[in-house]
Amino acid sequence: MSKQKSDIITFKADDSLVEALRQIPNRSEFIRSALLTALENMCPLCQGRGALTPAQKKHWEEFARDHALAECTDCHEVHLVCAHGE
């Protein structure tokens, strides 16, 4: 089995984040896991930016005409519901 090549990625962090990370025994594994989780759960519309561009907002408003947000009766999470039914 060949070992996969790894790249080193650095990022800036404020003092409080650095101090919190120092408390974690395996920082590299923690950061890799956190990043992978964030990427797997990224919003498909804003792609993780946390805001829509004006064009995306226009598309969202068009989509929202026939869709609504509703709370799931089982897990209580908010999800999209089509106004035309299933």
PDB file of N, CA and C in Angstrom:
ATOM      1  N   MET A   1       0.840  -1.166   0.000  1.00  0.00           N
ATOM      2  CA  MET A   1       0.000   0.000   0.000  1.00  0.00           C
ATOM      3  C   MET A   1       0.891   1.237   0.000  1.00  0.00           C
ATOM      4  N   SER A   2       0.652   2.167  -0.919  1.00  0.00           N
ATOM      5  CA  SER A   2       1.457   3.379  -0.959  1.00  0.00           C
ATOM      6  C   SER A   2       0.825   4.439  -0.077  1.00  0.00           C
ATOM      7  N   LYS A   3       1.659   5.236   0.531  1.00  0.00           N
ATOM      8  CA  LYS A   3       1.182   6.296   1.403  1.00  0.00           C
ATOM      9  C   LYS A   3       0.799   7.505   0.564  1.00  0.00           C
ATOM     10  N   GLN A   4      -0.371   8.058   0.835  1.00  0.00           N
ATOM     11  CA  GLN A   4      -0.856   9.222   0.103  1.00  0.00           C
ATOM     12  C   GLN A   4      -0.055  10.449   0.515  1.00  0.00           C
ATOM     13  N   LYS A   5       0.338  11.246  -0.473  1.00  0.00           N
ATOM     14  CA  LYS A   5       1.079  12.474  -0.203  1.00  0.00           C
ATOM     15  C   LYS A   5       0.179  13.459   0.527  1.00  0.00           C
ATOM     16  N   SER A   6       0.714  14.107   1.544  1.00  0.00           N
ATOM     17  CA  SER A   6      -0.028  15.106   2.302  1.00  0.00           C
ATOM     18  C   SER A   6       0.584  16.476   2.084  1.00  0.00           C
ATOM     19  N   ASP A   7      -0.255  17.474   1.989  1.00  0.00           N
ATOM     20  CA  ASP A   7       0.192  18.855   1.926  1.00  0.00           C
ATOM     21  C   ASP A   7       0.004  19.480   3.300  1.00  0.00           C
ATOM     22  N   ILE A   8       0.797  20.472   3.592  1.00  0.00           N
ATOM     23  CA  ILE A   8       0.648  21.223   4.826  1.00  0.00           C
ATOM     24  C   ILE A   8      -0.081  22.512   4.495  1.00  0.00           C
ATOM     25  N   ILE A   9      -1.140  22.769   5.243  1.00  0.00           N
ATOM     26  CA  ILE A   9      -1.934  23.979   5.062  1.00  0.00           C
ATOM     27  C   ILE A   9      -1.868  24.754   6.370  1.00  0.00           C
ATOM     28  N   THR A  10      -1.597  26.036   6.275  1.00  0.00           N
ATOM     29  CA  THR A  10      -1.556  26.874   7.468  1.00  0.00           C
ATOM     30  C   THR A  10      -2.679  27.904   7.403  1.00  0.00           C
ATOM     31  N   PHE A  11      -3.066  28.398   8.564  1.00  0.00           N
ATOM     32  CA  PHE A  11      -4.067  29.450   8.616  1.00  0.00           C
ATOM     33  C   PHE A  11      -3.810  30.318   9.842  1.00  0.00           C
ATOM     34  N   LYS A  12      -4.302  31.542   9.792  1.00  0.00           N
ATOM     35  CA  LYS A  12      -4.151  32.461  10.909  1.00  0.00           C
ATOM     36  C   LYS A  12      -5.255  32.192  11.924  1.00  0.00           C
ATOM     37  N   ALA A  13      -4.897  32.325  13.194  1.00  0.00           N
ATOM     38  CA  ALA A  13      -5.873  32.131  14.265  1.00  0.00           C
ATOM     39  C   ALA A  13      -5.608  33.147  15.363  1.00  0.00           C
ATOM     40  N   ASP A  14      -6.691  33.642  15.970  1.00  0.00           N
ATOM     41  CA  ASP A  14      -6.500  34.579  17.066  1.00  0.00           C
ATOM     42  C   ASP A  14      -6.026  33.831  18.314  1.00  0.00           C
ATOM     43  N   ASP A  15      -5.605  34.580  19.311  1.00  0.00           N
ATOM     44  CA  ASP A  15      -5.017  33.988  20.510  1.00  0.00           C
ATOM     45  C   ASP A  15      -5.939  33.002  21.219  1.00  0.00           C
ATOM     46  N   SER A  16      -7.233  33.320  21.278  1.00  0.00           N
ATOM     47  CA  SER A  16      -8.153  32.425  21.990  1.00  0.00           C
ATOM     48  C   SER A  16      -8.308  31.088  21.261  1.00  0.00           C
ATOM     49  N   LEU A  17      -8.331  31.116  19.927  1.00  0.00           N
ATOM     50  CA  LEU A  17      -8.415  29.866  19.173  1.00  0.00           C
ATOM     51  C   LEU A  17      -7.128  29.055  19.329  1.00  0.00           C
ATOM     52  N   VAL A  18      -6.002  29.710  19.269  1.00  0.00           N
ATOM     53  CA  VAL A  18      -4.717  29.025  19.445  1.00  0.00           C
ATOM     54  C   VAL A  18      -4.676  28.346  20.811  1.00  0.00           C
ATOM     55  N   GLU A  19      -5.099  29.065  21.843  1.00  0.00           N
ATOM     56  CA  GLU A  19      -5.087  28.492  23.199  1.00  0.00           C
ATOM     57  C   GLU A  19      -6.039  27.302  23.299  1.00  0.00           C
ATOM     58  N   ALA A  20      -7.215  27.402  22.687  1.00  0.00           N
ATOM     59  CA  ALA A  20      -8.160  26.286  22.711  1.00  0.00           C
ATOM     60  C   ALA A  20      -7.583  25.075  21.983  1.00  0.00           C
ATOM     61  N   LEU A  21      -6.934  25.296  20.843  1.00  0.00           N
ATOM     62  CA  LEU A  21      -6.346  24.186  20.089  1.00  0.00           C
ATOM     63  C   LEU A  21      -5.190  23.533  20.831  1.00  0.00           C
ATOM     64  N   ARG A  22      -4.472  24.306  21.629  1.00  0.00           N
ATOM     65  CA  ARG A  22      -3.354  23.739  22.403  1.00  0.00           C
ATOM     66  C   ARG A  22      -3.836  22.685  23.396  1.00  0.00           C
ATOM     67  N   GLN A  23      -5.104  22.762  23.788  1.00  0.00           N
ATOM     68  CA  GLN A  23      -5.655  21.808  24.757  1.00  0.00           C
ATOM     69  C   GLN A  23      -6.030  20.473  24.120  1.00  0.00           C
ATOM     70  N   ILE A  24      -6.015  20.398  22.804  1.00  0.00           N
ATOM     71  CA  ILE A  24      -6.428  19.182  22.085  1.00  0.00           C
ATOM     72  C   ILE A  24      -5.205  18.311  21.824  1.00  0.00           C
ATOM     73  N   PRO A  25      -5.242  17.047  22.261  1.00  0.00           N
ATOM     74  CA  PRO A  25      -4.077  16.166  22.123  1.00  0.00           C
ATOM     75  C   PRO A  25      -3.605  15.980  20.672  1.00  0.00           C
ATOM     76  N   ASN A  26      -4.502  15.746  19.741  1.00  0.00           N
ATOM     77  CA  ASN A  26      -4.117  15.523  18.348  1.00  0.00           C
ATOM     78  C   ASN A  26      -4.764  16.603  17.489  1.00  0.00           C
ATOM     79  N   ARG A  27      -4.139  17.776  17.499  1.00  0.00           N
ATOM     80  CA  ARG A  27      -4.710  18.933  16.797  1.00  0.00           C
ATOM     81  C   ARG A  27      -4.917  18.672  15.307  1.00  0.00           C
ATOM     82  N   SER A  28      -3.950  18.054  14.668  1.00  0.00           N
ATOM     83  CA  SER A  28      -4.061  17.828  13.218  1.00  0.00           C
ATOM     84  C   SER A  28      -5.281  16.980  12.893  1.00  0.00           C
ATOM     85  N   GLU A  29      -5.475  15.904  13.622  1.00  0.00           N
ATOM     86  CA  GLU A  29      -6.635  15.037  13.365  1.00  0.00           C
ATOM     87  C   GLU A  29      -7.931  15.769  13.666  1.00  0.00           C
ATOM     88  N   PHE A  30      -7.957  16.550  14.737  1.00  0.00           N
ATOM     89  CA  PHE A  30      -9.145  17.326  15.095  1.00  0.00           C
ATOM     90  C   PHE A  30      -9.498  18.308  13.988  1.00  0.00           C
ATOM     91  N   ILE A  31      -8.506  19.047  13.501  1.00  0.00           N
ATOM     92  CA  ILE A  31      -8.737  20.046  12.454  1.00  0.00           C
ATOM     93  C   ILE A  31      -9.175  19.368  11.156  1.00  0.00           C
ATOM     94  N   ARG A  32      -8.519  18.258  10.779  1.00  0.00           N
ATOM     95  CA  ARG A  32      -8.937  17.518   9.570  1.00  0.00           C
ATOM     96  C   ARG A  32     -10.383  17.073   9.685  1.00  0.00           C
ATOM     97  N   SER A  33     -10.746  16.498  10.824  1.00  0.00           N
ATOM     98  CA  SER A  33     -12.108  16.013  11.042  1.00  0.00           C
ATOM     99  C   SER A  33     -13.121  17.154  10.998  1.00  0.00           C
ATOM    100  N   ALA A  34     -12.790  18.277  11.641  1.00  0.00           N
ATOM    101  CA  ALA A  34     -13.694  19.430  11.646  1.00  0.00           C
ATOM    102  C   ALA A  34     -13.905  19.981  10.239  1.00  0.00           C
ATOM    103  N   LEU A  35     -12.830  20.060   9.464  1.00  0.00           N
ATOM    104  CA  LEU A  35     -12.942  20.564   8.096  1.00  0.00           C
ATOM    105  C   LEU A  35     -13.762  19.626   7.217  1.00  0.00           C
ATOM    106  N   LEU A  36     -13.519  18.330   7.331  1.00  0.00           N
ATOM    107  CA  LEU A  36     -14.288  17.366   6.536  1.00  0.00           C
ATOM    108  C   LEU A  36     -15.767  17.410   6.894  1.00  0.00           C
ATOM    109  N   THR A  37     -16.070  17.526   8.182  1.00  0.00           N
ATOM    110  CA  THR A  37     -17.467  17.631   8.608  1.00  0.00           C
ATOM    111  C   THR A  37     -18.106  18.895   8.049  1.00  0.00           C
ATOM    112  N   ALA A  38     -17.391  20.005   8.117  1.00  0.00           N
ATOM    113  CA  ALA A  38     -17.923  21.262   7.576  1.00  0.00           C
ATOM    114  C   ALA A  38     -18.157  21.151   6.075  1.00  0.00           C
ATOM    115  N   LEU A  39     -17.242  20.533   5.353  1.00  0.00           N
ATOM    116  CA  LEU A  39     -17.394  20.382   3.903  1.00  0.00           C
ATOM    117  C   LEU A  39     -18.559  19.466   3.545  1.00  0.00           C
ATOM    118  N   GLU A  40     -18.756  18.408   4.331  1.00  0.00           N
ATOM    119  CA  GLU A  40     -19.856  17.469   4.070  1.00  0.00           C
ATOM    120  C   GLU A  40     -21.216  18.095   4.357  1.00  0.00           C
ATOM    121  N   ASN A  41     -21.257  19.100   5.230  1.00  0.00           N
ATOM    122  CA  ASN A  41     -22.518  19.718   5.636  1.00  0.00           C
ATOM    123  C   ASN A  41     -22.670  21.139   5.100  1.00  0.00           C
ATOM    124  N   MET A  42     -21.943  21.441   4.067  1.00  0.00           N
ATOM    125  CA  MET A  42     -21.958  22.774   3.482  1.00  0.00           C
ATOM    126  C   MET A  42     -23.291  23.033   2.770  1.00  0.00           C
ATOM    127  N   CYS A  43     -23.791  24.220   2.915  1.00  0.00           N
ATOM    128  CA  CYS A  43     -25.025  24.620   2.232  1.00  0.00           C
ATOM    129  C   CYS A  43     -24.814  24.546   0.724  1.00  0.00           C
ATOM    130  N   PRO A  44     -25.677  23.818   0.021  1.00  0.00           N
ATOM    131  CA  PRO A  44     -25.496  23.697  -1.431  1.00  0.00           C
ATOM    132  C   PRO A  44     -25.769  24.993  -2.189  1.00  0.00           C
ATOM    133  N   LEU A  45     -26.499  25.910  -1.578  1.00  0.00           N
ATOM    134  CA  LEU A  45     -26.823  27.148  -2.277  1.00  0.00           C
ATOM    135  C   LEU A  45     -25.730  28.206  -2.099  1.00  0.00           C
ATOM    136  N   CYS A  46     -25.340  28.486  -0.861  1.00  0.00           N
ATOM    137  CA  CYS A  46     -24.308  29.520  -0.648  1.00  0.00           C
ATOM    138  C   CYS A  46     -22.905  28.927  -0.671  1.00  0.00           C
ATOM    139  N   GLN A  47     -22.804  27.605  -0.689  1.00  0.00           N
ATOM    140  CA  GLN A  47     -21.528  26.879  -0.738  1.00  0.00           C
ATOM    141  C   GLN A  47     -20.613  27.269   0.412  1.00  0.00           C
ATOM    142  N   GLY A  48     -21.196  27.434   1.594  1.00  0.00           N
ATOM    143  CA  GLY A  48     -20.427  27.685   2.791  1.00  0.00           C
ATOM    144  C   GLY A  48     -20.067  29.131   3.058  1.00  0.00           C
ATOM    145  N   ARG A  49     -20.481  30.039   2.202  1.00  0.00           N
ATOM    146  CA  ARG A  49     -20.146  31.453   2.409  1.00  0.00           C
ATOM    147  C   ARG A  49     -21.005  32.087   3.497  1.00  0.00           C
ATOM    148  N   GLY A  50     -22.176  31.539   3.732  1.00  0.00           N
ATOM    149  CA  GLY A  50     -23.059  32.089   4.758  1.00  0.00           C
ATOM    150  C   GLY A  50     -23.929  33.232   4.263  1.00  0.00           C
ATOM    151  N   ALA A  51     -23.840  33.539   2.993  1.00  0.00           N
ATOM    152  CA  ALA A  51     -24.661  34.602   2.405  1.00  0.00           C
ATOM    153  C   ALA A  51     -24.860  34.302   0.929  1.00  0.00           C
ATOM    154  N   LEU A  52     -25.976  34.780   0.400  1.00  0.00           N
ATOM    155  CA  LEU A  52     -26.274  34.575  -1.011  1.00  0.00           C
ATOM    156  C   LEU A  52     -25.836  35.788  -1.824  1.00  0.00           C
ATOM    157  N   THR A  53     -25.368  35.535  -3.024  1.00  0.00           N
ATOM    158  CA  THR A  53     -25.097  36.630  -3.945  1.00  0.00           C
ATOM    159  C   THR A  53     -26.444  37.190  -4.409  1.00  0.00           C
ATOM    160  N   PRO A  54     -26.474  38.375  -4.991  1.00  0.00           N
ATOM    161  CA  PRO A  54     -27.752  38.904  -5.499  1.00  0.00           C
ATOM    162  C   PRO A  54     -28.427  37.950  -6.495  1.00  0.00           C
ATOM    163  N   ALA A  55     -27.655  37.316  -7.367  1.00  0.00           N
ATOM    164  CA  ALA A  55     -28.251  36.377  -8.332  1.00  0.00           C
ATOM    165  C   ALA A  55     -28.804  35.148  -7.618  1.00  0.00           C
ATOM    166  N   GLN A  56     -28.082  34.625  -6.627  1.00  0.00           N
ATOM    167  CA  GLN A  56     -28.581  33.472  -5.874  1.00  0.00           C
ATOM    168  C   GLN A  56     -29.855  33.840  -5.114  1.00  0.00           C
ATOM    169  N   LYS A  57     -29.882  35.040  -4.554  1.00  0.00           N
ATOM    170  CA  LYS A  57     -31.076  35.485  -3.824  1.00  0.00           C
ATOM    171  C   LYS A  57     -32.274  35.531  -4.757  1.00  0.00           C
ATOM    172  N   LYS A  58     -32.076  35.995  -5.974  1.00  0.00           N
ATOM    173  CA  LYS A  58     -33.168  36.030  -6.959  1.00  0.00           C
ATOM    174  C   LYS A  58     -33.681  34.618  -7.239  1.00  0.00           C
ATOM    175  N   HIS A  59     -32.756  33.678  -7.439  1.00  0.00           N
ATOM    176  CA  HIS A  59     -33.159  32.279  -7.671  1.00  0.00           C
ATOM    177  C   HIS A  59     -33.864  31.703  -6.446  1.00  0.00           C
ATOM    178  N   TRP A  60     -33.356  32.019  -5.262  1.00  0.00           N
ATOM    179  CA  TRP A  60     -33.968  31.517  -4.034  1.00  0.00           C
ATOM    180  C   TRP A  60     -35.397  32.048  -3.891  1.00  0.00           C
ATOM    181  N   GLU A  61     -35.598  33.333  -4.161  1.00  0.00           N
ATOM    182  CA  GLU A  61     -36.932  33.916  -4.050  1.00  0.00           C
ATOM    183  C   GLU A  61     -37.909  33.252  -5.019  1.00  0.00           C
ATOM    184  N   GLU A  62     -37.436  32.943  -6.214  1.00  0.00           N
ATOM    185  CA  GLU A  62     -38.269  32.235  -7.187  1.00  0.00           C
ATOM    186  C   GLU A  62     -38.610  30.839  -6.677  1.00  0.00           C
ATOM    187  N   PHE A  63     -37.633  30.132  -6.152  1.00  0.00           N
ATOM    188  CA  PHE A  63     -37.837  28.790  -5.603  1.00  0.00           C
ATOM    189  C   PHE A  63     -38.794  28.836  -4.406  1.00  0.00           C
ATOM    190  N   ALA A  64     -38.635  29.855  -3.560  1.00  0.00           N
ATOM    191  CA  ALA A  64     -39.416  29.957  -2.327  1.00  0.00           C
ATOM    192  C   ALA A  64     -40.900  30.219  -2.577  1.00  0.00           C
ATOM    193  N   ARG A  65     -41.239  30.658  -3.775  1.00  0.00           N
ATOM    194  CA  ARG A  65     -42.664  30.865  -4.082  1.00  0.00           C
ATOM    195  C   ARG A  65     -43.462  29.579  -3.939  1.00  0.00           C
ATOM    196  N   ASP A  66     -42.850  28.451  -4.265  1.00  0.00           N
ATOM    197  CA  ASP A  66     -43.543  27.163  -4.212  1.00  0.00           C
ATOM    198  C   ASP A  66     -43.008  26.248  -3.115  1.00  0.00           C
ATOM    199  N   HIS A  67     -42.219  26.798  -2.209  1.00  0.00           N
ATOM    200  CA  HIS A  67     -41.637  25.995  -1.133  1.00  0.00           C
ATOM    201  C   HIS A  67     -41.680  26.782   0.170  1.00  0.00           C
ATOM    202  N   ALA A  68     -41.751  26.062   1.250  1.00  0.00           N
ATOM    203  CA  ALA A  68     -41.792  26.700   2.568  1.00  0.00           C
ATOM    204  C   ALA A  68     -40.880  25.946   3.523  1.00  0.00           C
ATOM    205  N   LEU A  69     -40.567  26.584   4.626  1.00  0.00           N
ATOM    206  CA  LEU A  69     -39.824  25.922   5.693  1.00  0.00           C
ATOM    207  C   LEU A  69     -40.822  25.351   6.686  1.00  0.00           C
ATOM    208  N   ALA A  70     -40.551  24.142   7.154  1.00  0.00           N
ATOM    209  CA  ALA A  70     -41.429  23.500   8.128  1.00  0.00           C
ATOM    210  C   ALA A  70     -40.577  22.732   9.128  1.00  0.00           C
ATOM    211  N   GLU A  71     -41.111  22.562  10.312  1.00  0.00           N
ATOM    212  CA  GLU A  71     -40.418  21.789  11.332  1.00  0.00           C
ATOM    213  C   GLU A  71     -40.834  20.328  11.226  1.00  0.00           C
ATOM    214  N   CYS A  72     -39.862  19.437  11.203  1.00  0.00           N
ATOM    215  CA  CYS A  72     -40.129  18.005  11.159  1.00  0.00           C
ATOM    216  C   CYS A  72     -40.764  17.582  12.486  1.00  0.00           C
ATOM    217  N   THR A  73     -41.836  16.824  12.412  1.00  0.00           N
ATOM    218  CA  THR A  73     -42.511  16.379  13.635  1.00  0.00           C
ATOM    219  C   THR A  73     -41.720  15.302  14.376  1.00  0.00           C
ATOM    220  N   ASP A  74     -40.793  14.635  13.688  1.00  0.00           N
ATOM    221  CA  ASP A  74     -39.984  13.595  14.337  1.00  0.00           C
ATOM    222  C   ASP A  74     -38.718  14.166  14.975  1.00  0.00           C
ATOM    223  N   CYS A  75     -37.879  14.838  14.180  1.00  0.00           N
ATOM    224  CA  CYS A  75     -36.578  15.301  14.681  1.00  0.00           C
ATOM    225  C   CYS A  75     -36.571  16.784  15.045  1.00  0.00           C
ATOM    226  N   HIS A  76     -37.634  17.518  14.695  1.00  0.00           N
ATOM    227  CA  HIS A  76     -37.797  18.940  14.994  1.00  0.00           C
ATOM    228  C   HIS A  76     -36.798  19.846  14.267  1.00  0.00           C
ATOM    229  N   GLU A  77     -36.152  19.325  13.233  1.00  0.00           N
ATOM    230  CA  GLU A  77     -35.282  20.152  12.403  1.00  0.00           C
ATOM    231  C   GLU A  77     -36.127  20.840  11.335  1.00  0.00           C
ATOM    232  N   VAL A  78     -35.689  22.015  10.912  1.00  0.00           N
ATOM    233  CA  VAL A  78     -36.381  22.751   9.854  1.00  0.00           C
ATOM    234  C   VAL A  78     -35.943  22.197   8.513  1.00  0.00           C
ATOM    235  N   HIS A  79     -36.888  22.023   7.602  1.00  0.00           N
ATOM    236  CA  HIS A  79     -36.587  21.504   6.264  1.00  0.00           C
ATOM    237  C   HIS A  79     -37.504  22.161   5.251  1.00  0.00           C
ATOM    238  N   LEU A  80     -37.179  21.979   3.976  1.00  0.00           N
ATOM    239  CA  LEU A  80     -37.985  22.534   2.896  1.00  0.00           C
ATOM    240  C   LEU A  80     -39.149  21.616   2.554  1.00  0.00           C
ATOM    241  N   VAL A  81     -40.291  22.229   2.266  1.00  0.00           N
ATOM    242  CA  VAL A  81     -41.487  21.491   1.877  1.00  0.00           C
ATOM    243  C   VAL A  81     -42.017  22.119   0.594  1.00  0.00           C
ATOM    244  N   CYS A  82     -42.311  21.283  -0.385  1.00  0.00           N
ATOM    245  CA  CYS A  82     -42.874  21.771  -1.644  1.00  0.00           C
ATOM    246  C   CYS A  82     -44.363  22.036  -1.466  1.00  0.00           C
ATOM    247  N   ALA A  83     -44.827  23.175  -1.929  1.00  0.00           N
ATOM    248  CA  ALA A  83     -46.233  23.533  -1.819  1.00  0.00           C
ATOM    249  C   ALA A  83     -47.112  22.638  -2.673  1.00  0.00           C
ATOM    250  N   HIS A  84     -46.529  21.941  -3.645  1.00  0.00           N
ATOM    251  CA  HIS A  84     -47.293  21.067  -4.528  1.00  0.00           C
ATOM    252  C   HIS A  84     -47.405  19.653  -3.983  1.00  0.00           C
ATOM    253  N   GLY A  85     -46.919  19.396  -2.774  1.00  0.00           N
ATOM    254  CA  GLY A  85     -46.993  18.067  -2.167  1.00  0.00           C
ATOM    255  C   GLY A  85     -45.906  17.164  -2.691  1.00  0.00           C
ATOM    256  N   GLU A  86     -45.928  15.921  -2.218  1.00  0.00           N
ATOM    257  CA  GLU A  86     -44.881  14.961  -2.616  1.00  0.00           C
ATOM    258  C   GLU A  86     -45.285  14.172  -3.824  1.00  0.00           C
TER     259      GLU A  86
END
